[in-house]
Every structure is written in C-alpha cells, then in structure tokens.
Amino acid sequence: MSDVSEQARFAARAFVVRVEHEMGEPMNEHLRERMEFAYEMGYMRGVPDGMRRVMEMHDEALSKVVR
C-alpha cells in the first residue's frame, strides 16, 4: 500500500471521527463507510468533488440529528 493511500485512509477516518464528535453520536456503519470512501477518493484524486460530496453527506447527517 502506498504512502498516499495510507494518508488518505488516515485523513478519512480522522474526518469521520470529527463529524461524529460534532454530531454528538456515532453514525451507522453504512454512512460511516460511505463518508470514509468519498473522503479517501477525493483526497487521493486531489479533486474537490469528493470533498464536496462528503460535506453534503455531513450536512444531511447533521440535519437528521437536529430534527
């Protein structure tokens, strides 16, 4: 495994932990995996589309917690 993919995986997990902390509760496993994957792919590609999708998912998850 390359250093870039390791960095991407680490960054994705750290992001998801931060989101869960902001939400105040853990995400379900499916959502966590989707967010990690989208963040990781965006990180590795250097394309903001992956990051934008992750932020959309983050906003959706937060809106469900607030309701």
N, C-alpha and C. Protein backbone atom coordinates (compact mmCIF):
# COMPACT_ATOMS: atom_id res chain seq x y z
N MET A 1 0.84 -1.18 0.00
CA MET A 1 0.00 0.00 0.00
C MET A 1 0.89 1.24 0.00
N SER A 2 0.55 2.20 -0.81
CA SER A 2 1.39 3.40 -0.92
C SER A 2 1.15 4.34 0.26
N ASP A 3 2.12 5.23 0.42
CA ASP A 3 2.00 6.22 1.49
C ASP A 3 0.80 7.13 1.28
N VAL A 4 0.50 7.44 0.03
CA VAL A 4 -0.64 8.32 -0.27
C VAL A 4 -1.94 7.65 0.15
N SER A 5 -2.10 6.39 -0.15
CA SER A 5 -3.35 5.72 0.22
C SER A 5 -3.46 5.57 1.74
N GLU A 6 -2.35 5.36 2.40
CA GLU A 6 -2.36 5.31 3.87
C GLU A 6 -2.76 6.67 4.45
N GLN A 7 -2.19 7.73 3.88
CA GLN A 7 -2.53 9.08 4.34
C GLN A 7 -3.99 9.38 4.09
N ALA A 8 -4.49 8.96 2.93
CA ALA A 8 -5.89 9.19 2.60
C ALA A 8 -6.80 8.45 3.56
N ARG A 9 -6.47 7.22 3.87
CA ARG A 9 -7.28 6.42 4.79
C ARG A 9 -7.26 7.06 6.20
N PHE A 10 -6.09 7.48 6.64
CA PHE A 10 -5.97 8.11 7.96
C PHE A 10 -6.78 9.42 8.00
N ALA A 11 -6.64 10.24 6.95
CA ALA A 11 -7.37 11.51 6.89
C ALA A 11 -8.88 11.27 6.88
N ALA A 12 -9.33 10.26 6.15
CA ALA A 12 -10.75 9.95 6.08
C ALA A 12 -11.29 9.53 7.44
N ARG A 13 -10.57 8.67 8.12
CA ARG A 13 -11.01 8.23 9.45
C ARG A 13 -11.04 9.38 10.43
N ALA A 14 -10.03 10.25 10.37
CA ALA A 14 -9.99 11.41 11.27
C ALA A 14 -11.17 12.34 10.98
N PHE A 15 -11.50 12.51 9.71
CA PHE A 15 -12.63 13.36 9.35
C PHE A 15 -13.93 12.80 9.92
N VAL A 16 -14.14 11.50 9.76
CA VAL A 16 -15.37 10.87 10.24
C VAL A 16 -15.47 10.97 11.76
N VAL A 17 -14.37 10.79 12.46
CA VAL A 17 -14.37 10.93 13.92
C VAL A 17 -14.76 12.35 14.30
N ARG A 18 -14.24 13.33 13.57
CA ARG A 18 -14.57 14.73 13.84
C ARG A 18 -16.06 14.99 13.61
N VAL A 19 -16.61 14.44 12.54
CA VAL A 19 -18.04 14.61 12.24
C VAL A 19 -18.88 13.97 13.34
N GLU A 20 -18.52 12.76 13.76
CA GLU A 20 -19.27 12.10 14.82
C GLU A 20 -19.21 12.90 16.11
N HIS A 21 -18.07 13.49 16.38
CA HIS A 21 -17.94 14.32 17.59
C HIS A 21 -18.87 15.53 17.50
N GLU A 22 -18.92 16.17 16.33
CA GLU A 22 -19.81 17.32 16.13
C GLU A 22 -21.27 16.92 16.27
N MET A 23 -21.61 15.73 15.76
CA MET A 23 -22.99 15.27 15.83
C MET A 23 -23.36 14.84 17.24
N GLY A 24 -22.38 14.43 18.02
CA GLY A 24 -22.64 14.00 19.38
C GLY A 24 -23.06 12.55 19.50
N GLU A 25 -22.99 11.82 18.41
CA GLU A 25 -23.34 10.40 18.44
C GLU A 25 -22.68 9.71 17.26
N PRO A 26 -22.44 8.41 17.37
CA PRO A 26 -21.81 7.69 16.26
C PRO A 26 -22.78 7.51 15.09
N MET A 27 -22.21 7.46 13.89
CA MET A 27 -23.00 7.22 12.69
C MET A 27 -23.26 5.73 12.55
N ASN A 28 -24.26 5.40 11.75
CA ASN A 28 -24.42 3.98 11.45
C ASN A 28 -23.28 3.55 10.53
N GLU A 29 -22.99 2.29 10.53
CA GLU A 29 -21.82 1.75 9.82
C GLU A 29 -21.85 2.07 8.32
N HIS A 30 -23.02 2.00 7.72
CA HIS A 30 -23.14 2.25 6.27
C HIS A 30 -22.74 3.69 5.94
N LEU A 31 -23.26 4.64 6.67
CA LEU A 31 -22.94 6.04 6.42
C LEU A 31 -21.47 6.31 6.68
N ARG A 32 -20.93 5.73 7.75
CA ARG A 32 -19.51 5.91 8.06
C ARG A 32 -18.64 5.42 6.91
N GLU A 33 -18.94 4.24 6.38
CA GLU A 33 -18.16 3.69 5.28
C GLU A 33 -18.25 4.55 4.03
N ARG A 34 -19.44 5.04 3.73
CA ARG A 34 -19.63 5.90 2.55
C ARG A 34 -18.84 7.20 2.68
N MET A 35 -18.90 7.81 3.86
CA MET A 35 -18.17 9.06 4.07
C MET A 35 -16.67 8.84 4.00
N GLU A 36 -16.19 7.77 4.62
CA GLU A 36 -14.76 7.48 4.56
C GLU A 36 -14.31 7.26 3.12
N PHE A 37 -15.09 6.50 2.36
CA PHE A 37 -14.72 6.21 0.98
C PHE A 37 -14.70 7.48 0.14
N ALA A 38 -15.73 8.31 0.25
CA ALA A 38 -15.79 9.54 -0.54
C ALA A 38 -14.65 10.47 -0.17
N TYR A 39 -14.37 10.60 1.10
CA TYR A 39 -13.27 11.47 1.54
C TYR A 39 -11.94 10.93 1.03
N GLU A 40 -11.74 9.62 1.17
CA GLU A 40 -10.49 9.00 0.74
C GLU A 40 -10.27 9.17 -0.76
N MET A 41 -11.30 8.95 -1.56
CA MET A 41 -11.15 9.09 -3.01
C MET A 41 -10.88 10.55 -3.38
N GLY A 42 -11.55 11.46 -2.75
CA GLY A 42 -11.29 12.88 -3.01
C GLY A 42 -9.88 13.27 -2.62
N TYR A 43 -9.41 12.73 -1.53
CA TYR A 43 -8.06 13.02 -1.06
C TYR A 43 -7.03 12.49 -2.06
N MET A 44 -7.23 11.26 -2.51
CA MET A 44 -6.26 10.65 -3.41
C MET A 44 -6.27 11.29 -4.79
N ARG A 45 -7.42 11.71 -5.26
CA ARG A 45 -7.51 12.33 -6.57
C ARG A 45 -7.11 13.79 -6.55
N GLY A 46 -7.25 14.40 -5.38
CA GLY A 46 -6.99 15.83 -5.32
C GLY A 46 -8.09 16.63 -5.99
N VAL A 47 -9.25 15.98 -6.13
CA VAL A 47 -10.39 16.60 -6.79
C VAL A 47 -11.39 17.03 -5.73
N PRO A 48 -11.85 18.26 -5.78
CA PRO A 48 -12.77 18.73 -4.75
C PRO A 48 -14.15 18.09 -4.80
N ASP A 49 -14.50 17.36 -5.86
CA ASP A 49 -15.82 16.74 -5.95
C ASP A 49 -16.05 15.75 -4.82
N GLY A 50 -15.06 14.96 -4.50
CA GLY A 50 -15.18 14.01 -3.40
C GLY A 50 -15.41 14.72 -2.09
N MET A 51 -14.67 15.79 -1.86
CA MET A 51 -14.82 16.55 -0.63
C MET A 51 -16.20 17.22 -0.57
N ARG A 52 -16.65 17.73 -1.71
CA ARG A 52 -17.96 18.38 -1.74
C ARG A 52 -19.06 17.36 -1.40
N ARG A 53 -18.94 16.15 -1.93
CA ARG A 53 -19.95 15.11 -1.64
C ARG A 53 -19.91 14.73 -0.17
N VAL A 54 -18.72 14.63 0.40
CA VAL A 54 -18.62 14.32 1.82
C VAL A 54 -19.28 15.41 2.65
N MET A 55 -19.07 16.66 2.30
CA MET A 55 -19.68 17.75 3.06
C MET A 55 -21.20 17.73 2.91
N GLU A 56 -21.71 17.35 1.74
CA GLU A 56 -23.15 17.21 1.56
C GLU A 56 -23.69 16.12 2.49
N MET A 57 -22.97 15.00 2.55
CA MET A 57 -23.37 13.90 3.43
C MET A 57 -23.31 14.34 4.89
N HIS A 58 -22.29 15.12 5.23
CA HIS A 58 -22.13 15.64 6.59
C HIS A 58 -23.33 16.51 6.94
N ASP A 59 -23.69 17.42 6.03
CA ASP A 59 -24.83 18.31 6.28
C ASP A 59 -26.14 17.52 6.41
N GLU A 60 -26.30 16.50 5.59
CA GLU A 60 -27.51 15.66 5.67
C GLU A 60 -27.56 14.95 7.03
N ALA A 61 -26.44 14.41 7.46
CA ALA A 61 -26.39 13.69 8.73
C ALA A 61 -26.69 14.64 9.88
N LEU A 62 -26.12 15.83 9.86
CA LEU A 62 -26.38 16.80 10.92
C LEU A 62 -27.83 17.24 10.93
N SER A 63 -28.43 17.42 9.77
CA SER A 63 -29.84 17.84 9.73
C SER A 63 -30.74 16.79 10.32
N LYS A 64 -30.40 15.51 10.16
CA LYS A 64 -31.20 14.45 10.74
C LYS A 64 -31.07 14.40 12.25
N VAL A 65 -29.91 14.77 12.77
CA VAL A 65 -29.69 14.78 14.22
C VAL A 65 -30.43 15.95 14.85
N VAL A 66 -30.46 17.08 14.18
CA VAL A 66 -31.08 18.29 14.71
C VAL A 66 -32.58 18.14 14.80
N ARG A 67 -33.18 17.40 13.87
CA ARG A 67 -34.65 17.26 13.85
C ARG A 67 -35.18 16.56 15.04
